[in-house]
């Protein structure tokens, strides 16, 4: 029996466990804060940063924005590291996120964990 389930935004089929968390992380990071009615604080500040020059300071701000948003909205995952693998002039960015997946974290149970990574792509333009 899966620890958590949901629906795939792409296919409408059932998603469970890590697949559901991956989708959740992508949704959190690609949703600008303030864009959801009745849930204005949902999302991340990541999209405010992708048009900036990719200096060390901006890249650190990207990691911080991702980690903060995931910490606030996804109890089943804790980000431990990140890597910007692509940042294009058209506003596209690829971010690899590394961390710990807690299958029962949404229930407050952090006794089971495993390392997991996710790739988030935002295509601007």
N, C-alpha and C. Protein backbone atom coordinates (compact mmCIF):
# COMPACT_ATOMS: atom_id res chain seq x y z
N UNK A 1 0.85 -1.18 0.00
CA UNK A 1 0.00 0.00 0.00
C UNK A 1 0.90 1.25 0.00
N UNK A 2 0.61 2.20 -0.88
CA UNK A 2 1.45 3.39 -0.93
C UNK A 2 1.28 4.28 0.29
N UNK A 3 2.37 5.00 0.61
CA UNK A 3 2.33 5.93 1.74
C UNK A 3 1.55 7.19 1.40
N UNK A 4 1.60 7.60 0.13
CA UNK A 4 0.84 8.77 -0.30
C UNK A 4 0.45 8.61 -1.75
N UNK A 5 -0.68 9.16 -2.11
CA UNK A 5 -1.15 9.07 -3.49
C UNK A 5 -1.70 10.41 -3.95
N UNK A 6 -1.77 10.55 -5.24
CA UNK A 6 -2.32 11.75 -5.85
C UNK A 6 -2.62 11.47 -7.31
N UNK A 7 -2.88 12.52 -8.05
CA UNK A 7 -3.23 12.39 -9.46
C UNK A 7 -2.18 13.11 -10.30
N UNK A 8 -1.76 12.47 -11.37
CA UNK A 8 -0.80 13.07 -12.29
C UNK A 8 -1.43 14.25 -13.00
N UNK A 9 -0.76 15.38 -12.97
CA UNK A 9 -1.25 16.58 -13.67
C UNK A 9 -1.18 16.39 -15.18
N UNK A 10 -0.29 15.52 -15.65
CA UNK A 10 -0.11 15.31 -17.09
C UNK A 10 -1.09 14.29 -17.67
N UNK A 11 -1.28 13.17 -16.96
CA UNK A 11 -2.08 12.08 -17.52
C UNK A 11 -3.41 11.84 -16.83
N UNK A 12 -3.58 12.33 -15.62
CA UNK A 12 -4.79 12.07 -14.86
C UNK A 12 -4.77 10.72 -14.16
N UNK A 13 -3.69 9.98 -14.33
CA UNK A 13 -3.56 8.68 -13.67
C UNK A 13 -3.05 8.85 -12.25
N UNK A 14 -3.17 7.79 -11.49
CA UNK A 14 -2.74 7.83 -10.08
C UNK A 14 -1.22 7.89 -10.00
N UNK A 15 -0.75 8.74 -9.10
CA UNK A 15 0.67 8.82 -8.75
C UNK A 15 0.79 8.43 -7.29
N UNK A 16 1.88 7.78 -6.95
CA UNK A 16 2.07 7.45 -5.54
C UNK A 16 3.52 7.63 -5.15
N UNK A 17 3.73 7.77 -3.87
CA UNK A 17 5.04 7.84 -3.24
C UNK A 17 5.96 8.86 -3.91
N UNK A 18 7.15 8.45 -4.35
CA UNK A 18 8.14 9.40 -4.86
C UNK A 18 7.65 10.16 -6.09
N UNK A 19 6.92 9.51 -6.98
CA UNK A 19 6.38 10.18 -8.16
C UNK A 19 5.48 11.35 -7.80
N UNK A 20 4.70 11.17 -6.75
CA UNK A 20 3.82 12.24 -6.29
C UNK A 20 4.63 13.39 -5.68
N UNK A 21 5.69 13.07 -4.96
CA UNK A 21 6.54 14.10 -4.36
C UNK A 21 7.27 14.89 -5.46
N UNK A 22 7.78 14.20 -6.47
CA UNK A 22 8.45 14.88 -7.59
C UNK A 22 7.52 15.90 -8.24
N UNK A 23 6.29 15.48 -8.51
CA UNK A 23 5.31 16.38 -9.11
C UNK A 23 5.04 17.56 -8.20
N UNK A 24 4.92 17.29 -6.92
CA UNK A 24 4.66 18.34 -5.94
C UNK A 24 5.79 19.37 -5.91
N UNK A 25 7.02 18.90 -5.90
CA UNK A 25 8.18 19.81 -5.87
C UNK A 25 8.20 20.67 -7.13
N UNK A 26 7.96 20.07 -8.27
CA UNK A 26 7.94 20.85 -9.53
C UNK A 26 6.84 21.90 -9.50
N UNK A 27 5.68 21.54 -8.99
CA UNK A 27 4.56 22.48 -8.92
C UNK A 27 4.88 23.62 -7.97
N UNK A 28 5.47 23.31 -6.83
CA UNK A 28 5.83 24.34 -5.85
C UNK A 28 6.82 25.33 -6.46
N UNK A 29 7.87 24.80 -7.10
CA UNK A 29 8.94 25.67 -7.59
C UNK A 29 8.59 26.44 -8.85
N UNK A 30 7.63 25.97 -9.62
CA UNK A 30 7.26 26.68 -10.86
C UNK A 30 6.02 27.56 -10.69
N UNK A 31 5.49 27.63 -9.49
CA UNK A 31 4.35 28.50 -9.20
C UNK A 31 4.84 29.76 -8.49
N UNK A 32 4.64 30.93 -9.10
CA UNK A 32 5.06 32.16 -8.42
C UNK A 32 4.18 32.44 -7.20
N UNK A 33 4.82 32.87 -6.11
CA UNK A 33 4.04 33.27 -4.94
C UNK A 33 3.07 34.37 -5.34
N UNK A 34 1.87 34.32 -4.78
CA UNK A 34 0.86 35.33 -5.05
C UNK A 34 -0.01 35.03 -6.26
N UNK A 35 0.26 33.93 -6.97
CA UNK A 35 -0.50 33.65 -8.19
C UNK A 35 -1.72 32.76 -7.97
N UNK A 36 -1.83 32.15 -6.80
CA UNK A 36 -2.97 31.27 -6.51
C UNK A 36 -4.01 32.00 -5.68
N UNK A 37 -5.23 32.00 -6.16
CA UNK A 37 -6.33 32.60 -5.41
C UNK A 37 -6.60 31.72 -4.19
N UNK A 38 -6.84 32.32 -3.05
CA UNK A 38 -7.14 31.63 -1.79
C UNK A 38 -5.93 30.90 -1.20
N UNK A 39 -4.80 30.97 -1.86
CA UNK A 39 -3.57 30.37 -1.33
C UNK A 39 -2.39 31.19 -1.84
N UNK A 40 -2.39 32.46 -1.50
CA UNK A 40 -1.41 33.42 -2.02
C UNK A 40 0.03 33.10 -1.65
N UNK A 41 0.26 32.42 -0.54
CA UNK A 41 1.63 32.14 -0.12
C UNK A 41 2.20 30.87 -0.75
N UNK A 42 1.38 30.12 -1.49
CA UNK A 42 1.86 28.90 -2.14
C UNK A 42 2.82 29.25 -3.26
N UNK A 43 3.87 28.45 -3.41
CA UNK A 43 4.82 28.62 -4.50
C UNK A 43 6.18 29.03 -3.98
N UNK A 44 6.96 29.61 -4.90
CA UNK A 44 8.33 29.99 -4.54
C UNK A 44 8.68 31.34 -5.16
N UNK A 45 9.79 31.89 -4.69
CA UNK A 45 10.33 33.13 -5.25
C UNK A 45 11.33 32.84 -6.37
N UNK A 46 11.45 31.59 -6.76
CA UNK A 46 12.41 31.18 -7.78
C UNK A 46 12.23 31.92 -9.10
N UNK A 47 11.00 32.12 -9.50
CA UNK A 47 10.76 32.74 -10.80
C UNK A 47 11.16 34.20 -10.84
N UNK A 48 11.27 34.84 -9.69
CA UNK A 48 11.76 36.22 -9.64
C UNK A 48 13.26 36.29 -9.90
N UNK A 49 13.95 35.17 -9.78
CA UNK A 49 15.41 35.15 -9.87
C UNK A 49 15.95 34.68 -11.21
N UNK A 50 15.15 34.01 -12.02
CA UNK A 50 15.69 33.37 -13.21
C UNK A 50 16.11 34.33 -14.31
N UNK A 51 15.62 35.55 -14.30
CA UNK A 51 16.04 36.52 -15.31
C UNK A 51 17.27 37.31 -14.88
N UNK A 52 17.71 37.11 -13.65
CA UNK A 52 18.88 37.82 -13.15
C UNK A 52 20.15 37.20 -13.70
N UNK A 53 21.21 37.98 -13.73
CA UNK A 53 22.51 37.47 -14.13
C UNK A 53 22.91 36.35 -13.17
N UNK A 54 23.35 35.22 -13.68
CA UNK A 54 23.66 34.07 -12.85
C UNK A 54 25.03 34.20 -12.20
N UNK A 55 25.10 35.09 -11.25
CA UNK A 55 26.31 35.24 -10.45
C UNK A 55 26.24 34.25 -9.29
N UNK A 56 27.30 34.15 -8.52
CA UNK A 56 27.29 33.27 -7.35
C UNK A 56 26.19 33.67 -6.37
N UNK A 57 26.02 34.96 -6.22
CA UNK A 57 25.00 35.46 -5.30
C UNK A 57 23.59 35.06 -5.76
N UNK A 58 23.32 35.18 -7.05
CA UNK A 58 22.00 34.82 -7.58
C UNK A 58 21.78 33.32 -7.47
N UNK A 59 22.80 32.54 -7.78
CA UNK A 59 22.67 31.08 -7.69
C UNK A 59 22.39 30.66 -6.25
N UNK A 60 23.07 31.28 -5.31
CA UNK A 60 22.79 30.99 -3.89
C UNK A 60 21.35 31.37 -3.54
N UNK A 61 20.86 32.49 -4.07
CA UNK A 61 19.48 32.91 -3.83
C UNK A 61 18.49 31.91 -4.45
N UNK A 62 18.84 31.33 -5.60
CA UNK A 62 18.00 30.30 -6.23
C UNK A 62 17.90 29.09 -5.31
N UNK A 63 19.03 28.63 -4.79
CA UNK A 63 19.03 27.48 -3.86
C UNK A 63 18.20 27.79 -2.62
N UNK A 64 18.38 28.98 -2.08
CA UNK A 64 17.65 29.37 -0.87
C UNK A 64 16.15 29.43 -1.14
N UNK A 65 15.75 29.99 -2.29
CA UNK A 65 14.32 30.08 -2.63
C UNK A 65 13.73 28.68 -2.78
N UNK A 66 14.47 27.78 -3.42
CA UNK A 66 13.98 26.41 -3.59
C UNK A 66 13.86 25.69 -2.25
N UNK A 67 14.90 25.78 -1.44
CA UNK A 67 14.89 25.09 -0.15
C UNK A 67 13.79 25.61 0.76
N UNK A 68 13.60 26.92 0.78
CA UNK A 68 12.58 27.53 1.63
C UNK A 68 11.18 27.10 1.21
N UNK A 69 10.92 27.12 -0.09
CA UNK A 69 9.60 26.73 -0.58
C UNK A 69 9.31 25.25 -0.32
N UNK A 70 10.30 24.41 -0.56
CA UNK A 70 10.11 22.97 -0.32
C UNK A 70 9.88 22.71 1.16
N UNK A 71 10.65 23.36 2.00
CA UNK A 71 10.49 23.20 3.45
C UNK A 71 9.09 23.60 3.90
N UNK A 72 8.56 24.67 3.32
CA UNK A 72 7.24 25.16 3.71
C UNK A 72 6.10 24.29 3.19
N UNK A 73 6.22 23.77 1.96
CA UNK A 73 5.08 23.14 1.31
C UNK A 73 5.18 21.63 1.09
N UNK A 74 6.33 21.03 1.28
CA UNK A 74 6.44 19.59 1.02
C UNK A 74 7.11 18.88 2.20
N UNK A 75 6.29 18.36 3.14
CA UNK A 75 6.83 17.72 4.34
C UNK A 75 7.52 16.38 4.08
N UNK A 76 7.36 15.84 2.88
CA UNK A 76 7.96 14.53 2.59
C UNK A 76 9.38 14.65 2.02
N UNK A 77 9.92 15.88 1.92
CA UNK A 77 11.24 16.05 1.31
C UNK A 77 12.00 17.18 1.98
N UNK A 78 13.29 16.98 2.16
CA UNK A 78 14.18 18.01 2.68
C UNK A 78 15.35 18.16 1.73
N UNK A 79 15.50 19.34 1.18
CA UNK A 79 16.59 19.62 0.25
C UNK A 79 17.90 19.77 1.01
N UNK A 80 18.95 19.10 0.53
CA UNK A 80 20.26 19.22 1.15
C UNK A 80 21.26 19.91 0.24
N UNK A 81 21.02 19.90 -1.06
CA UNK A 81 21.94 20.54 -2.02
C UNK A 81 21.20 20.82 -3.32
N UNK A 82 21.77 21.69 -4.11
CA UNK A 82 21.19 22.00 -5.40
C UNK A 82 22.28 22.32 -6.39
N UNK A 83 21.92 22.27 -7.67
CA UNK A 83 22.87 22.60 -8.72
C UNK A 83 22.10 23.17 -9.91
N UNK A 84 22.47 24.35 -10.34
CA UNK A 84 21.92 24.92 -11.57
C UNK A 84 22.72 24.32 -12.70
N UNK A 85 22.07 23.53 -13.54
CA UNK A 85 22.79 22.87 -14.63
C UNK A 85 22.61 23.59 -15.95
N UNK A 86 21.65 24.50 -16.01
CA UNK A 86 21.44 25.29 -17.22
C UNK A 86 20.71 26.57 -16.86
N UNK A 87 21.15 27.66 -17.43
CA UNK A 87 20.47 28.94 -17.28
C UNK A 87 20.66 29.70 -18.59
N UNK A 88 19.59 29.85 -19.35
CA UNK A 88 19.67 30.47 -20.67
C UNK A 88 19.13 31.89 -20.65
N UNK A 89 19.51 32.66 -21.65
CA UNK A 89 19.11 34.06 -21.76
C UNK A 89 17.60 34.23 -21.93
N UNK A 90 16.91 33.19 -22.40
CA UNK A 90 15.45 33.28 -22.60
C UNK A 90 14.66 33.06 -21.31
N UNK A 91 15.36 32.89 -20.20
CA UNK A 91 14.68 32.70 -18.91
C UNK A 91 14.48 31.25 -18.55
N UNK A 92 15.10 30.33 -19.29
CA UNK A 92 15.01 28.91 -18.96
C UNK A 92 16.07 28.57 -17.91
N UNK A 93 15.69 27.70 -17.01
CA UNK A 93 16.63 27.27 -15.98
C UNK A 93 16.37 25.80 -15.67
N UNK A 94 17.46 25.07 -15.43
CA UNK A 94 17.34 23.68 -15.00
C UNK A 94 18.04 23.59 -13.65
N UNK A 95 17.31 23.09 -12.68
CA UNK A 95 17.82 22.99 -11.32
C UNK A 95 17.73 21.54 -10.87
N UNK A 96 18.84 20.99 -10.45
CA UNK A 96 18.85 19.65 -9.87
C UNK A 96 18.84 19.81 -8.36
N UNK A 97 17.95 19.10 -7.72
CA UNK A 97 17.78 19.20 -6.27
C UNK A 97 18.07 17.83 -5.66
N UNK A 98 18.90 17.84 -4.64
CA UNK A 98 19.27 16.62 -3.94
C UNK A 98 18.79 16.73 -2.50
N UNK A 99 18.35 15.62 -1.95
CA UNK A 99 17.88 15.68 -0.58
C UNK A 99 17.43 14.34 -0.05
N UNK A 100 16.61 14.40 0.96
CA UNK A 100 16.12 13.22 1.65
C UNK A 100 14.60 13.14 1.50
N UNK A 101 14.15 11.98 1.07
CA UNK A 101 12.72 11.70 0.90
C UNK A 101 12.23 10.93 2.12
N UNK A 102 11.17 11.45 2.73
CA UNK A 102 10.54 10.80 3.88
C UNK A 102 9.15 10.34 3.45
N UNK A 103 8.97 9.06 3.13
CA UNK A 103 7.69 8.57 2.60
C UNK A 103 6.48 8.90 3.48
N UNK A 104 6.69 8.98 4.81
CA UNK A 104 5.58 9.25 5.71
C UNK A 104 5.70 10.61 6.39
N UNK A 105 6.47 11.49 5.79
CA UNK A 105 6.70 12.82 6.36
C UNK A 105 5.44 13.64 6.51
N UNK A 106 4.46 13.44 5.61
CA UNK A 106 3.20 14.18 5.69
C UNK A 106 2.38 13.76 6.91
N UNK A 107 2.76 12.66 7.53
CA UNK A 107 2.10 12.21 8.76
C UNK A 107 2.92 12.55 10.00
N UNK A 108 4.05 13.24 9.79
CA UNK A 108 4.92 13.59 10.90
C UNK A 108 5.88 12.48 11.30
N UNK A 109 5.95 11.41 10.49
CA UNK A 109 6.81 10.27 10.77
C UNK A 109 8.06 10.38 9.90
N UNK A 110 9.21 10.68 10.52
CA UNK A 110 10.47 10.83 9.78
C UNK A 110 11.43 9.68 10.08
N UNK A 111 10.88 8.53 10.48
CA UNK A 111 11.71 7.38 10.84
C UNK A 111 12.23 6.62 9.62
N UNK A 112 11.57 6.76 8.48
CA UNK A 112 11.99 6.09 7.25
C UNK A 112 12.44 7.17 6.28
N UNK A 113 13.63 6.99 5.70
CA UNK A 113 14.12 7.99 4.75
C UNK A 113 15.00 7.35 3.70
N UNK A 114 15.16 8.05 2.59
CA UNK A 114 16.08 7.62 1.54
C UNK A 114 16.53 8.84 0.75
N UNK A 115 17.69 8.75 0.17
CA UNK A 115 18.19 9.85 -0.66
C UNK A 115 17.42 9.87 -1.97
N UNK A 116 17.14 11.08 -2.46
CA UNK A 116 16.40 11.21 -3.71
C UNK A 116 16.74 12.55 -4.35
N UNK A 117 16.67 12.59 -5.67
CA UNK A 117 16.91 13.85 -6.37
C UNK A 117 15.83 14.07 -7.41
N UNK A 118 15.65 15.32 -7.77
CA UNK A 118 14.64 15.70 -8.74
C UNK A 118 15.22 16.81 -9.62
N UNK A 119 14.85 16.82 -10.87
CA UNK A 119 15.27 17.85 -11.80
C UNK A 119 14.05 18.70 -12.13
N UNK A 120 14.20 20.00 -11.94
CA UNK A 120 13.12 20.94 -12.21
C UNK A 120 13.55 21.82 -13.37
N UNK A 121 12.72 21.89 -14.40
CA UNK A 121 13.01 22.72 -15.56
C UNK A 121 11.92 23.77 -15.69
N UNK A 122 12.33 25.02 -15.77
CA UNK A 122 11.38 26.09 -16.04
C UNK A 122 11.77 26.70 -17.38
N UNK A 123 10.88 26.63 -18.33
CA UNK A 123 11.14 27.18 -19.66
C UNK A 123 10.50 28.56 -19.75
N UNK A 124 11.32 29.57 -19.80
CA UNK A 124 10.83 30.94 -19.91
C UNK A 124 10.55 31.29 -21.36
N UNK A 125 10.40 32.57 -21.58
CA UNK A 125 10.22 33.05 -22.94
C UNK A 125 8.83 33.13 -23.26
